[in-house]
Amino acid sequence: MHTTPLPRPVRTPRIALVGDRSPHVRSHVRVPVLLDALAERDGLALDAYWIPTPDAAAAGAVKGFDAVWVLPGSPYASEAGALAAIRSAREDGVPFLGTCGGFQHTLLEYARNVCGLERAAHAENDPAADPGDLLVAPLACSLVGHEGVVRVSPGSLAERALGAERTTERYHCAYGPGTRHLDTLSAHGLRFTGADEEGGVRIAELPSHPFFLATLFQPELAGDGTRPHPLVRALAAAATEHAAG
């Protein structure tokens, strides 16, 4: 199979890793292993910078980066910081990946800033929120430590990156999207392109954006990290293209 080579960047692509870095969060520990593997196996070297969520709330915190990855580890020290980083990547056309808590906050950012659902809430961040405003709610069955099948929409960004319409993925979360406002998000352009076998939303993407993808599962935990998950590799490739452009 022939593949089109990526354009050569004039500098090493810079990626903002947004999250409150902790040695107790498995995803955070895995990231350096993934970065090494991307450089060594795939020739996709990235210059990575960790940005704590309180710092991400500052204006321009993720400006100038070639990719933004909002990592797990919620509840974040600053909900506003996580949302600001997501909004910046979305509005500026910067390659974006949100995983687990990053997925949940991607839906929250889109609901508030695109759909006009200003009271949309995340139950973990705001347990006293009106149930009618909950966009992210406790899952009926916790997915902490769970592994399950995800079915992916044909022709989607996720399907192109995965090279398959079915994948088995790992989770570590107890919160996920409710169903109350998902139609509104869809009507405003967000596309839900992956679901579990019960129909629960597991992947969201924005077709109008060069690369904007969020997953409730954690692709960074696939295997032992020495063979980066296709979605992580796709983000690195998108960052490389952004730097070249």
Protein backbone atom coordinates (compact mmCIF):
# COMPACT_ATOMS: atom_id res chain seq x y z
CA MET A 1 0.00 0.00 0.00
CA HIS A 2 1.35 3.41 -0.95
CA THR A 3 0.97 6.31 1.48
CA THR A 4 1.50 9.99 0.82
CA PRO A 5 4.48 11.23 2.83
CA LEU A 6 3.77 13.96 5.33
CA PRO A 7 5.12 17.41 4.49
CA ARG A 8 8.37 18.11 6.28
CA PRO A 9 7.84 20.65 9.08
CA VAL A 10 10.26 23.56 9.32
CA ARG A 11 10.36 22.99 13.10
CA THR A 12 9.43 20.29 15.57
CA PRO A 13 5.65 20.40 16.09
CA ARG A 14 4.63 21.65 19.54
CA ILE A 15 1.85 19.91 21.46
CA ALA A 16 0.09 21.28 24.53
CA LEU A 17 -0.74 18.53 27.04
CA VAL A 18 -3.52 20.07 29.10
CA GLY A 19 -4.13 18.44 32.46
CA ASP A 20 -3.10 18.50 36.09
CA ARG A 21 -0.09 16.20 35.77
CA SER A 22 0.15 13.53 38.43
CA PRO A 23 2.19 10.35 38.87
CA HIS A 24 -1.02 8.73 40.12
CA VAL A 25 -2.85 9.14 36.79
CA ARG A 26 -1.93 6.26 34.49
CA SER A 27 -2.53 8.27 31.34
CA HIS A 28 -0.09 10.94 32.47
CA VAL A 29 2.60 8.36 33.18
CA ARG A 30 2.03 6.76 29.78
CA VAL A 31 2.41 9.98 27.73
CA PRO A 32 6.26 10.17 27.77
CA VAL A 33 6.41 6.54 26.60
CA LEU A 34 4.05 7.38 23.74
CA LEU A 35 6.04 10.43 22.71
CA ASP A 36 9.24 8.37 22.55
CA ALA A 37 7.50 5.68 20.53
CA LEU A 38 6.00 8.19 18.09
CA ALA A 39 9.46 9.59 17.40
CA GLU A 40 11.25 6.26 17.17
CA ARG A 41 8.65 4.10 15.38
CA ASP A 42 6.76 6.62 13.29
CA GLY A 43 9.19 9.48 12.79
CA LEU A 44 6.68 11.83 14.43
CA ALA A 45 8.71 13.82 16.93
CA LEU A 46 6.71 16.25 19.06
CA ASP A 47 7.88 18.97 21.42
CA ALA A 48 5.51 18.51 24.36
CA TYR A 49 4.57 21.05 27.04
CA TRP A 50 2.40 20.24 30.05
CA ILE A 51 -0.09 22.99 30.88
CA PRO A 52 -1.98 22.69 34.19
CA THR A 53 -5.64 23.57 33.84
CA PRO A 54 -5.38 26.74 35.98
CA ASP A 55 -2.68 28.01 33.61
CA ALA A 56 -4.77 27.02 30.59
CA ALA A 57 -7.41 29.53 31.71
CA ALA A 58 -5.09 32.43 30.84
CA ALA A 59 -5.69 34.16 27.50
CA GLY A 60 -3.51 32.70 24.78
CA ALA A 61 -2.31 29.77 26.90
CA VAL A 62 -2.39 27.31 23.99
CA LYS A 63 -1.82 29.79 21.16
CA GLY A 64 1.07 28.86 18.89
CA PHE A 65 0.81 25.11 19.46
CA ASP A 66 0.38 22.64 16.62
CA ALA A 67 -1.87 20.34 18.63
CA VAL A 68 -3.79 20.34 21.91
CA TRP A 69 -4.51 17.18 23.91
CA VAL A 70 -6.81 17.51 26.92
CA LEU A 71 -5.92 14.48 29.01
CA PRO A 72 -7.81 12.53 31.68
CA GLY A 73 -7.61 13.40 35.36
CA SER A 74 -10.92 15.09 36.15
CA PRO A 75 -12.20 16.73 38.17
CA TYR A 76 -9.72 19.26 36.86
CA ALA A 77 -8.29 21.93 39.12
CA SER A 78 -9.88 24.44 36.72
CA GLU A 79 -12.93 23.56 34.64
CA ALA A 80 -12.58 26.98 33.00
CA GLY A 81 -9.02 26.21 31.95
CA ALA A 82 -9.93 22.91 30.33
CA LEU A 83 -12.82 24.55 28.48
CA ALA A 84 -10.65 27.47 27.35
CA ALA A 85 -8.05 25.14 25.84
CA ILE A 86 -10.72 23.19 23.97
CA ARG A 87 -12.36 26.35 22.68
CA SER A 88 -9.06 27.77 21.48
CA ALA A 89 -8.20 24.61 19.53
CA ARG A 90 -11.70 24.46 18.06
CA GLU A 91 -11.87 28.09 16.99
CA ASP A 92 -8.28 28.30 15.72
CA GLY A 93 -8.36 25.09 13.68
CA VAL A 94 -5.59 23.47 15.74
CA PRO A 95 -5.50 19.65 15.81
CA PHE A 96 -7.26 18.50 18.98
CA LEU A 97 -7.74 15.31 20.95
CA GLY A 98 -9.71 14.97 24.17
CA THR A 99 -9.74 11.68 26.06
CA CYS A 100 -11.93 10.59 28.98
CA GLY A 101 -12.34 13.82 30.97
CA GLY A 102 -11.20 15.65 27.83
CA PHE A 103 -14.12 14.08 25.94
CA GLN A 104 -16.60 15.06 28.63
CA HIS A 105 -15.39 18.66 28.66
CA THR A 106 -15.38 18.82 24.86
CA LEU A 107 -19.12 18.22 24.92
CA LEU A 108 -19.51 20.79 27.69
CA GLU A 109 -17.53 23.46 25.79
CA TYR A 110 -19.51 22.88 22.61
CA ALA A 111 -22.84 22.96 24.40
CA ARG A 112 -22.10 26.24 26.14
CA ASN A 113 -20.24 28.16 23.45
CA VAL A 114 -21.78 26.87 20.21
CA CYS A 115 -25.24 25.63 21.14
CA GLY A 116 -26.16 28.36 23.61
CA LEU A 117 -26.73 25.87 26.44
CA GLU A 118 -25.08 28.16 28.96
CA ARG A 119 -26.30 26.14 31.95
CA ALA A 120 -25.04 22.81 30.62
CA ALA A 121 -23.31 21.08 33.51
CA HIS A 122 -21.00 18.23 34.42
CA ALA A 123 -22.24 16.30 37.45
CA GLU A 124 -18.72 15.68 38.78
CA ASN A 125 -17.95 19.41 38.72
CA ASP A 126 -21.38 20.59 39.78
CA PRO A 127 -23.21 17.90 41.76
CA ALA A 128 -25.94 20.37 42.74
CA ALA A 129 -26.84 21.18 39.12
CA ASP A 130 -30.44 20.88 38.00
CA PRO A 131 -30.86 17.39 36.46
CA GLY A 132 -32.29 19.05 33.36
CA ASP A 133 -28.99 20.84 32.80
CA LEU A 134 -26.75 17.80 33.13
CA LEU A 135 -24.89 17.10 29.91
CA VAL A 136 -22.39 14.77 31.60
CA ALA A 137 -23.84 12.51 34.27
CA PRO A 138 -22.82 9.47 36.32
CA LEU A 139 -22.85 6.35 34.19
CA ALA A 140 -25.39 3.68 35.13
CA CYS A 141 -22.45 1.25 35.20
CA SER A 142 -19.00 2.59 35.96
CA LEU A 143 -16.42 2.03 33.22
CA VAL A 144 -13.43 2.17 35.57
CA GLY A 145 -11.13 -0.61 34.42
CA HIS A 146 -13.57 -1.67 31.69
CA GLU A 147 -12.72 -2.78 28.16
CA GLY A 148 -15.38 -2.86 25.47
CA VAL A 149 -16.24 -2.78 21.79
CA VAL A 150 -16.78 0.54 20.01
CA ARG A 151 -18.48 0.63 16.62
CA VAL A 152 -17.31 3.48 14.41
CA SER A 153 -19.21 5.33 11.67
CA PRO A 154 -17.96 4.63 8.14
CA GLY A 155 -16.23 7.60 6.53
CA SER A 156 -15.62 9.39 9.83
CA LEU A 157 -12.30 10.84 10.95
CA ALA A 158 -12.19 8.17 13.64
CA GLU A 159 -12.75 5.39 11.08
CA ARG A 160 -10.04 6.76 8.78
CA ALA A 161 -7.58 7.00 11.65
CA LEU A 162 -8.41 3.55 13.01
CA GLY A 163 -8.65 1.85 9.64
CA ALA A 164 -11.60 -0.14 10.98
CA GLU A 165 -15.25 0.19 11.88
CA ARG A 166 -14.91 -1.82 15.08
CA THR A 167 -12.38 -1.53 17.86
CA THR A 168 -11.94 -2.68 21.46
CA GLU A 169 -10.94 0.07 23.85
CA ARG A 170 -10.07 0.66 27.50
CA TYR A 171 -11.86 3.01 29.90
CA HIS A 172 -11.30 4.48 33.32
CA CYS A 173 -14.31 6.70 33.95
CA ALA A 174 -17.51 6.87 35.93
CA TYR A 175 -19.13 9.77 34.01
CA GLY A 176 -20.38 10.04 30.45
CA PRO A 177 -22.79 11.91 28.21
CA GLY A 178 -26.45 11.83 29.04
CA THR A 179 -28.97 11.79 26.19
CA ARG A 180 -30.93 14.95 26.98
CA HIS A 181 -28.95 17.46 24.89
CA LEU A 182 -27.10 15.32 22.35
CA ASP A 183 -29.57 16.11 19.55
CA THR A 184 -28.90 19.81 20.07
CA LEU A 185 -25.14 19.28 19.79
CA SER A 186 -25.68 17.25 16.61
CA ALA A 187 -27.92 19.94 15.15
CA HIS A 188 -25.09 22.44 15.64
CA GLY A 189 -22.50 20.35 13.79
CA LEU A 190 -20.89 18.00 16.30
CA ARG A 191 -20.92 14.44 15.00
CA PHE A 192 -21.11 11.36 17.20
CA THR A 193 -19.16 8.71 15.32
CA GLY A 194 -18.56 5.93 17.83
CA ALA A 195 -20.84 4.03 20.18
CA ASP A 196 -20.67 1.03 22.44
CA GLU A 197 -22.83 -2.04 21.87
CA GLU A 198 -25.69 -0.49 23.83
CA GLY A 199 -25.58 2.69 21.74
CA GLY A 200 -23.81 4.88 24.30
CA VAL A 201 -21.83 7.71 22.68
CA ARG A 202 -18.08 7.07 22.86
CA ILE A 203 -16.57 9.26 20.09
CA ALA A 204 -17.32 12.81 18.97
CA GLU A 205 -15.74 14.79 16.15
CA LEU A 206 -16.18 18.03 14.24
CA PRO A 207 -16.21 17.52 10.45
CA SER A 208 -15.77 21.26 9.78
CA HIS A 209 -12.41 21.21 11.60
CA PRO A 210 -9.08 19.91 10.23
CA PHE A 211 -8.71 17.43 13.13
CA PHE A 212 -11.01 17.57 16.14
CA LEU A 213 -11.67 14.31 17.94
CA ALA A 214 -12.72 13.28 21.44
CA THR A 215 -13.15 9.82 22.97
CA LEU A 216 -14.60 8.65 26.26
CA PHE A 217 -12.15 5.74 26.15
CA GLN A 218 -8.42 6.21 26.70
CA PRO A 219 -6.37 5.35 23.59
CA GLU A 220 -3.20 6.28 25.48
CA LEU A 221 -3.62 3.13 27.59
CA ALA A 222 -3.60 0.71 24.65
CA GLY A 223 -0.96 -2.00 24.98
CA ASP A 224 2.24 -1.06 26.75
CA GLY A 225 2.66 2.26 24.94
CA THR A 226 5.46 1.14 22.64
CA ARG A 227 3.03 0.96 19.70
CA PRO A 228 0.97 4.17 19.87
CA HIS A 229 -2.76 3.81 19.34
CA PRO A 230 -3.85 4.87 15.82
CA LEU A 231 -5.75 7.89 17.18
CA VAL A 232 -2.67 9.14 19.03
CA ARG A 233 -0.59 8.59 15.91
CA ALA A 234 -3.20 10.46 13.84
CA LEU A 235 -3.00 13.43 16.22
CA ALA A 236 0.80 13.48 15.89
CA ALA A 237 0.51 13.36 12.10
CA ALA A 238 -2.01 16.22 12.14
CA ALA A 239 0.34 18.26 14.35
CA THR A 240 3.17 17.62 11.89
CA GLU A 241 1.02 18.83 9.00
CA HIS A 242 0.00 21.91 11.01
CA ALA A 243 3.63 22.77 11.69
CA ALA A 244 4.51 22.35 8.02
CA GLY A 245 1.62 24.56 6.95
